[in-house]
Amino acid sequence: MCGSATEWGLPVASCQISHPGHATCLIELDGRVLLTDPLLADRIFSIRRICPTVDPACLPNIDLVLISHLHHDHCHPESMRALNGNPTYLVPHGGGEF
């Protein structure tokens, strides 16, 4: 099926996506803020951030954090503790302790 949301009669959402680095994406969709795989540190194990580190205090309040899997470079406890707001966490099976 080709076309666009407008052509299909679907509502068009306001969306902005930012990529702070690694697997972390900040998605702002119709007033809600989603963060994927938060890794906001300069370095973790052998992974070193090349671009400047994102200061968690500069992020908006996060509504939802999506964790793809439970490796520390995708599920970084220090980064999650530093987030603004009171986000809901969506984690894979076995991730409840995070």
C-alpha atoms as a PDB file:
ATOM      1  CA  MET A   1       0.000   0.000   0.000  1.00  0.00           C
ATOM      2  CA  CYS A   2       1.488   3.338  -1.040  1.00  0.00           C
ATOM      3  CA  GLY A   3       0.519   6.813   0.022  1.00  0.00           C
ATOM      4  CA  SER A   4       0.656   8.891   3.161  1.00  0.00           C
ATOM      5  CA  ALA A   5      -1.224   9.073   6.440  1.00  0.00           C
ATOM      6  CA  THR A   6      -3.198  12.038   5.103  1.00  0.00           C
ATOM      7  CA  GLU A   7      -4.152  10.148   1.946  1.00  0.00           C
ATOM      8  CA  TRP A   8      -5.289   7.179   4.035  1.00  0.00           C
ATOM      9  CA  GLY A   9      -7.398   9.416   6.288  1.00  0.00           C
ATOM     10  CA  LEU A  10      -5.233   8.731   9.357  1.00  0.00           C
ATOM     11  CA  PRO A  11      -4.468  11.367  11.978  1.00  0.00           C
ATOM     12  CA  VAL A  12      -1.045  12.949  11.607  1.00  0.00           C
ATOM     13  CA  ALA A  13       0.975  13.062  14.820  1.00  0.00           C
ATOM     14  CA  SER A  14       3.490  15.656  15.885  1.00  0.00           C
ATOM     15  CA  CYS A  15       6.761  13.738  16.250  1.00  0.00           C
ATOM     16  CA  GLN A  16      10.393  14.611  16.879  1.00  0.00           C
ATOM     17  CA  ILE A  17      13.192  12.039  17.233  1.00  0.00           C
ATOM     18  CA  SER A  18      16.643  12.775  18.652  1.00  0.00           C
ATOM     19  CA  HIS A  19      19.598  10.382  18.820  1.00  0.00           C
ATOM     20  CA  PRO A  20      21.857  11.143  21.809  1.00  0.00           C
ATOM     21  CA  GLY A  21      24.064   8.160  20.956  1.00  0.00           C
ATOM     22  CA  HIS A  22      24.484   4.377  20.972  1.00  0.00           C
ATOM     23  CA  ALA A  23      20.979   2.838  21.121  1.00  0.00           C
ATOM     24  CA  THR A  24      19.384   5.754  22.978  1.00  0.00           C
ATOM     25  CA  CYS A  25      16.637   7.621  21.143  1.00  0.00           C
ATOM     26  CA  LEU A  26      14.431  10.373  22.530  1.00  0.00           C
ATOM     27  CA  ILE A  27      11.031  10.318  20.850  1.00  0.00           C
ATOM     28  CA  GLU A  28       8.573  13.162  21.457  1.00  0.00           C
ATOM     29  CA  LEU A  29       5.151  12.201  20.135  1.00  0.00           C
ATOM     30  CA  ASP A  30       2.042  14.316  20.656  1.00  0.00           C
ATOM     31  CA  GLY A  31       3.169  15.622  24.044  1.00  0.00           C
ATOM     32  CA  ARG A  32       4.514  12.284  25.317  1.00  0.00           C
ATOM     33  CA  VAL A  33       8.222  11.527  25.696  1.00  0.00           C
ATOM     34  CA  LEU A  34       9.704   8.066  25.129  1.00  0.00           C
ATOM     35  CA  LEU A  35      13.342   7.162  25.749  1.00  0.00           C
ATOM     36  CA  THR A  36      14.848   3.949  24.397  1.00  0.00           C
ATOM     37  CA  ASP A  37      17.780   2.073  25.930  1.00  0.00           C
ATOM     38  CA  PRO A  38      19.090   4.924  28.106  1.00  0.00           C
ATOM     39  CA  LEU A  39      22.884   5.154  28.164  1.00  0.00           C
ATOM     40  CA  LEU A  40      23.841   8.692  29.152  1.00  0.00           C
ATOM     41  CA  ALA A  41      27.333   8.007  30.545  1.00  0.00           C
ATOM     42  CA  ASP A  42      30.677   8.954  28.989  1.00  0.00           C
ATOM     43  CA  ARG A  43      31.889   5.377  29.066  1.00  0.00           C
ATOM     44  CA  ILE A  44      30.697   1.882  29.970  1.00  0.00           C
ATOM     45  CA  PHE A  45      33.068  -1.059  29.690  1.00  0.00           C
ATOM     46  CA  SER A  46      34.818  -0.716  26.321  1.00  0.00           C
ATOM     47  CA  ILE A  47      32.138   1.584  24.878  1.00  0.00           C
ATOM     48  CA  ARG A  48      33.260   5.209  24.838  1.00  0.00           C
ATOM     49  CA  ARG A  49      31.016   8.057  23.766  1.00  0.00           C
ATOM     50  CA  ILE A  50      32.467  10.086  20.906  1.00  0.00           C
ATOM     51  CA  CYS A  51      29.828  12.827  20.838  1.00  0.00           C
ATOM     52  CA  PRO A  52      29.261  15.007  23.932  1.00  0.00           C
ATOM     53  CA  THR A  53      27.423  13.364  26.810  1.00  0.00           C
ATOM     54  CA  VAL A  54      23.785  14.319  27.284  1.00  0.00           C
ATOM     55  CA  ASP A  55      23.115  15.866  30.682  1.00  0.00           C
ATOM     56  CA  PRO A  56      20.004  14.070  32.009  1.00  0.00           C
ATOM     57  CA  ALA A  57      18.946  17.331  33.714  1.00  0.00           C
ATOM     58  CA  CYS A  58      18.526  18.855  30.238  1.00  0.00           C
ATOM     59  CA  LEU A  59      16.091  16.164  29.102  1.00  0.00           C
ATOM     60  CA  PRO A  60      12.346  16.723  29.356  1.00  0.00           C
ATOM     61  CA  ASN A  61      10.265  14.673  31.779  1.00  0.00           C
ATOM     62  CA  ILE A  62      10.236  11.128  30.437  1.00  0.00           C
ATOM     63  CA  ASP A  63       6.881   9.319  30.245  1.00  0.00           C
ATOM     64  CA  LEU A  64       8.055   5.895  29.064  1.00  0.00           C
ATOM     65  CA  VAL A  65      11.425   4.115  28.962  1.00  0.00           C
ATOM     66  CA  LEU A  66      11.686   1.203  26.550  1.00  0.00           C
ATOM     67  CA  ILE A  67      14.457  -1.321  27.244  1.00  0.00           C
ATOM     68  CA  SER A  68      15.189  -3.602  24.275  1.00  0.00           C
ATOM     69  CA  HIS A  69      17.313  -6.100  26.214  1.00  0.00           C
ATOM     70  CA  LEU A  70      19.137  -6.357  29.515  1.00  0.00           C
ATOM     71  CA  HIS A  71      22.751  -5.652  28.538  1.00  0.00           C
ATOM     72  CA  HIS A  72      24.237  -2.792  30.572  1.00  0.00           C
ATOM     73  CA  ASP A  73      24.781  -0.661  27.461  1.00  0.00           C
ATOM     74  CA  HIS A  74      21.003  -0.745  26.844  1.00  0.00           C
ATOM     75  CA  CYS A  75      19.787  -0.881  30.437  1.00  0.00           C
ATOM     76  CA  HIS A  76      22.147   1.397  32.384  1.00  0.00           C
ATOM     77  CA  PRO A  77      20.884   1.812  35.973  1.00  0.00           C
ATOM     78  CA  GLU A  78      22.775   5.079  36.643  1.00  0.00           C
ATOM     79  CA  SER A  79      21.302   6.676  33.526  1.00  0.00           C
ATOM     80  CA  MET A  80      17.802   5.509  34.468  1.00  0.00           C
ATOM     81  CA  ARG A  81      18.106   6.915  38.007  1.00  0.00           C
ATOM     82  CA  ALA A  82      19.107  10.311  36.582  1.00  0.00           C
ATOM     83  CA  LEU A  83      16.007  10.706  34.375  1.00  0.00           C
ATOM     84  CA  ASN A  84      13.478  13.482  34.948  1.00  0.00           C
ATOM     85  CA  GLY A  85       9.859  12.689  35.646  1.00  0.00           C
ATOM     86  CA  ASN A  86       8.346   9.457  36.890  1.00  0.00           C
ATOM     87  CA  PRO A  87       8.617   7.229  33.815  1.00  0.00           C
ATOM     88  CA  THR A  88       6.979   3.885  33.269  1.00  0.00           C
ATOM     89  CA  TYR A  89       9.494   1.209  32.272  1.00  0.00           C
ATOM     90  CA  LEU A  90       8.795  -1.396  29.621  1.00  0.00           C
ATOM     91  CA  VAL A  91      11.403  -4.134  30.069  1.00  0.00           C
ATOM     92  CA  PRO A  92      11.918  -7.648  28.711  1.00  0.00           C
ATOM     93  CA  HIS A  93      11.062 -10.711  30.785  1.00  0.00           C
ATOM     94  CA  GLY A  94      13.406 -10.915  33.768  1.00  0.00           C
ATOM     95  CA  GLY A  95      14.048  -7.178  33.910  1.00  0.00           C
ATOM     96  CA  GLY A  96      11.856  -6.366  36.873  1.00  0.00           C
ATOM     97  CA  GLU A  97      14.830  -5.723  39.178  1.00  0.00           C
ATOM     98  CA  PHE A  98      15.878  -2.782  37.039  1.00  0.00           C
END
